[in-house]
Amino acid sequence: MWDLLILLQGWATELLWSTTNLEAAGADRLYELEASGAAIPFEALLDLIKGVNQVIDGEFVGRSRAGAIVMTIRAVDSTAFDVEAVDPRVAELVESSFKQTRRFSTT
């Protein structure tokens, strides 16, 4: 998760992040965030992720200051991450940075 967030920081920095359906090892502070329902700046999310041993499942949602969903990152069974973004360049960046990627159509 850390590597993915660092890769996406060019798009993710201006967003406010929340998490749902989280299952992770060493993620007490992320569980507190989820329970509060709060959205936090990207830098705070990075700080929370630093202490996480493994993200098994969960959804991380990045919203604009106006509240629109701009990016969603889903951890899937600790084996994969799904990344959805409004900007198609995000998919191109992920594909060029990770060896095992597949693009899915959302339409």
C-alpha atoms as a PDB file:
ATOM      1  CA  MET A   1       0.000   0.000   0.000  1.00  0.00           C
ATOM      2  CA  TRP A   2       2.834   2.368   0.845  1.00  0.00           C
ATOM      3  CA  ASP A   3       4.424   2.005  -2.605  1.00  0.00           C
ATOM      4  CA  LEU A   4       1.099   2.604  -4.310  1.00  0.00           C
ATOM      5  CA  LEU A   5       0.371   5.732  -2.286  1.00  0.00           C
ATOM      6  CA  ILE A   6       3.823   7.142  -2.970  1.00  0.00           C
ATOM      7  CA  LEU A   7       3.333   6.479  -6.683  1.00  0.00           C
ATOM      8  CA  LEU A   8      -0.045   8.221  -6.693  1.00  0.00           C
ATOM      9  CA  GLN A   9       0.895  11.182  -4.541  1.00  0.00           C
ATOM     10  CA  GLY A  10       0.906  13.566  -7.511  1.00  0.00           C
ATOM     11  CA  TRP A  11      -2.847  13.048  -7.805  1.00  0.00           C
ATOM     12  CA  ALA A  12      -3.638  12.120  -4.217  1.00  0.00           C
ATOM     13  CA  THR A  13      -2.040  14.984  -2.301  1.00  0.00           C
ATOM     14  CA  GLU A  14      -4.915  17.438  -2.693  1.00  0.00           C
ATOM     15  CA  LEU A  15      -7.592  14.906  -1.734  1.00  0.00           C
ATOM     16  CA  LEU A  16      -9.192  14.155   1.617  1.00  0.00           C
ATOM     17  CA  TRP A  17      -9.080  10.444   2.452  1.00  0.00           C
ATOM     18  CA  SER A  18     -11.348   8.094   4.351  1.00  0.00           C
ATOM     19  CA  THR A  19     -11.418   4.330   4.732  1.00  0.00           C
ATOM     20  CA  THR A  20     -14.119   1.662   4.949  1.00  0.00           C
ATOM     21  CA  ASN A  21     -14.281  -2.115   5.369  1.00  0.00           C
ATOM     22  CA  LEU A  22     -10.698  -2.179   6.585  1.00  0.00           C
ATOM     23  CA  GLU A  23      -8.882  -5.327   7.606  1.00  0.00           C
ATOM     24  CA  ALA A  24      -5.192  -4.845   8.260  1.00  0.00           C
ATOM     25  CA  ALA A  25      -2.347  -5.866  10.548  1.00  0.00           C
ATOM     26  CA  GLY A  26      -0.886  -3.145  12.742  1.00  0.00           C
ATOM     27  CA  ALA A  27      -3.553  -0.622  11.767  1.00  0.00           C
ATOM     28  CA  ASP A  28      -5.036   0.561  15.059  1.00  0.00           C
ATOM     29  CA  ARG A  29      -4.866   4.221  14.058  1.00  0.00           C
ATOM     30  CA  LEU A  30      -6.521   3.460  10.691  1.00  0.00           C
ATOM     31  CA  TYR A  31      -9.302   1.613  12.514  1.00  0.00           C
ATOM     32  CA  GLU A  32      -9.817   4.711  14.659  1.00  0.00           C
ATOM     33  CA  LEU A  33     -10.052   6.826  11.515  1.00  0.00           C
ATOM     34  CA  GLU A  34     -12.602   4.467   9.993  1.00  0.00           C
ATOM     35  CA  ALA A  35     -14.690   4.435  13.175  1.00  0.00           C
ATOM     36  CA  SER A  36     -14.725   8.236  13.300  1.00  0.00           C
ATOM     37  CA  GLY A  37     -15.888   8.577   9.689  1.00  0.00           C
ATOM     38  CA  ALA A  38     -13.446  11.475   9.307  1.00  0.00           C
ATOM     39  CA  ALA A  39     -11.581  12.397   6.154  1.00  0.00           C
ATOM     40  CA  ILE A  40      -7.917  13.289   6.488  1.00  0.00           C
ATOM     41  CA  PRO A  41      -5.298  14.920   4.259  1.00  0.00           C
ATOM     42  CA  PHE A  42      -3.041  12.675   2.186  1.00  0.00           C
ATOM     43  CA  GLU A  43       0.019  13.396   4.336  1.00  0.00           C
ATOM     44  CA  ALA A  44      -1.860  12.144   7.402  1.00  0.00           C
ATOM     45  CA  LEU A  45      -2.878   8.992   5.522  1.00  0.00           C
ATOM     46  CA  LEU A  46       0.755   8.353   4.625  1.00  0.00           C
ATOM     47  CA  ASP A  47       1.697   8.769   8.267  1.00  0.00           C
ATOM     48  CA  LEU A  48      -0.941   6.220   9.311  1.00  0.00           C
ATOM     49  CA  ILE A  49       0.077   3.725   6.601  1.00  0.00           C
ATOM     50  CA  LYS A  50       3.719   3.789   7.756  1.00  0.00           C
ATOM     51  CA  GLY A  51       2.844   1.700  10.799  1.00  0.00           C
ATOM     52  CA  VAL A  52       0.702  -0.858   8.964  1.00  0.00           C
ATOM     53  CA  ASN A  53       2.240  -4.286   8.446  1.00  0.00           C
ATOM     54  CA  GLN A  54      -0.268  -5.485   5.849  1.00  0.00           C
ATOM     55  CA  VAL A  55      -3.492  -4.191   4.336  1.00  0.00           C
ATOM     56  CA  ILE A  56      -5.642  -7.253   3.738  1.00  0.00           C
ATOM     57  CA  ASP A  57      -8.924  -5.678   2.647  1.00  0.00           C
ATOM     58  CA  GLY A  58     -10.416  -2.237   2.630  1.00  0.00           C
ATOM     59  CA  GLU A  59     -11.333   0.762   0.603  1.00  0.00           C
ATOM     60  CA  PHE A  60      -9.533   4.093   0.653  1.00  0.00           C
ATOM     61  CA  VAL A  61     -11.544   6.910  -0.895  1.00  0.00           C
ATOM     62  CA  GLY A  62     -10.015  10.219  -1.958  1.00  0.00           C
ATOM     63  CA  ARG A  63     -12.433  13.111  -2.351  1.00  0.00           C
ATOM     64  CA  SER A  64     -11.993  16.622  -3.624  1.00  0.00           C
ATOM     65  CA  ARG A  65     -12.559  19.504  -1.211  1.00  0.00           C
ATOM     66  CA  ALA A  66     -16.024  19.788  -2.811  1.00  0.00           C
ATOM     67  CA  GLY A  67     -16.755  16.159  -1.848  1.00  0.00           C
ATOM     68  CA  ALA A  68     -16.547  14.449  -5.252  1.00  0.00           C
ATOM     69  CA  ILE A  69     -14.867  11.037  -5.336  1.00  0.00           C
ATOM     70  CA  VAL A  70     -11.688  11.424  -7.372  1.00  0.00           C
ATOM     71  CA  MET A  71      -9.834   8.216  -6.540  1.00  0.00           C
ATOM     72  CA  THR A  72     -10.601   4.899  -4.860  1.00  0.00           C
ATOM     73  CA  ILE A  73      -8.026   2.297  -3.850  1.00  0.00           C
ATOM     74  CA  ARG A  74      -9.316  -1.127  -2.824  1.00  0.00           C
ATOM     75  CA  ALA A  75      -7.185  -3.742  -1.122  1.00  0.00           C
ATOM     76  CA  VAL A  76      -8.388  -7.163  -2.228  1.00  0.00           C
ATOM     77  CA  ASP A  77      -7.608 -10.202  -0.074  1.00  0.00           C
ATOM     78  CA  SER A  78      -4.046  -8.947   0.569  1.00  0.00           C
ATOM     79  CA  THR A  79      -3.070  -9.987  -2.956  1.00  0.00           C
ATOM     80  CA  ALA A  80      -4.078  -7.042  -5.129  1.00  0.00           C
ATOM     81  CA  PHE A  81      -5.137  -3.427  -5.219  1.00  0.00           C
ATOM     82  CA  ASP A  82      -7.826  -1.981  -7.457  1.00  0.00           C
ATOM     83  CA  VAL A  83      -7.343   1.665  -8.361  1.00  0.00           C
ATOM     84  CA  GLU A  84     -10.151   3.758  -9.798  1.00  0.00           C
ATOM     85  CA  ALA A  85      -9.569   7.376 -10.730  1.00  0.00           C
ATOM     86  CA  VAL A  86     -11.269  10.133 -12.629  1.00  0.00           C
ATOM     87  CA  ASP A  87      -8.011  10.967 -14.415  1.00  0.00           C
ATOM     88  CA  PRO A  88      -7.079   8.209 -16.931  1.00  0.00           C
ATOM     89  CA  ARG A  89      -3.390   9.023 -16.481  1.00  0.00           C
ATOM     90  CA  VAL A  90      -3.556   7.335 -13.084  1.00  0.00           C
ATOM     91  CA  ALA A  91      -4.196   3.952 -14.758  1.00  0.00           C
ATOM     92  CA  GLU A  92      -1.351   4.585 -17.185  1.00  0.00           C
ATOM     93  CA  LEU A  93       1.012   5.383 -14.309  1.00  0.00           C
ATOM     94  CA  VAL A  94       0.030   2.265 -12.356  1.00  0.00           C
ATOM     95  CA  GLU A  95       0.406   0.089 -15.459  1.00  0.00           C
ATOM     96  CA  SER A  96       3.840   1.483 -16.222  1.00  0.00           C
ATOM     97  CA  SER A  97       5.047   1.114 -12.621  1.00  0.00           C
ATOM     98  CA  PHE A  98       3.841  -2.349 -11.637  1.00  0.00           C
ATOM     99  CA  LYS A  99       4.456  -5.549 -13.583  1.00  0.00           C
ATOM    100  CA  GLN A 100       1.210  -7.397 -12.953  1.00  0.00           C
ATOM    101  CA  THR A 101      -1.630  -5.078 -13.865  1.00  0.00           C
ATOM    102  CA  ARG A 102      -4.938  -5.437 -15.644  1.00  0.00           C
ATOM    103  CA  ARG A 103      -7.219  -2.683 -16.787  1.00  0.00           C
ATOM    104  CA  PHE A 104     -10.953  -3.115 -16.200  1.00  0.00           C
ATOM    105  CA  SER A 105     -13.628  -1.055 -17.834  1.00  0.00           C
ATOM    106  CA  THR A 106     -16.095   0.615 -15.516  1.00  0.00           C
ATOM    107  CA  THR A 107     -18.650   1.143 -18.266  1.00  0.00           C
END
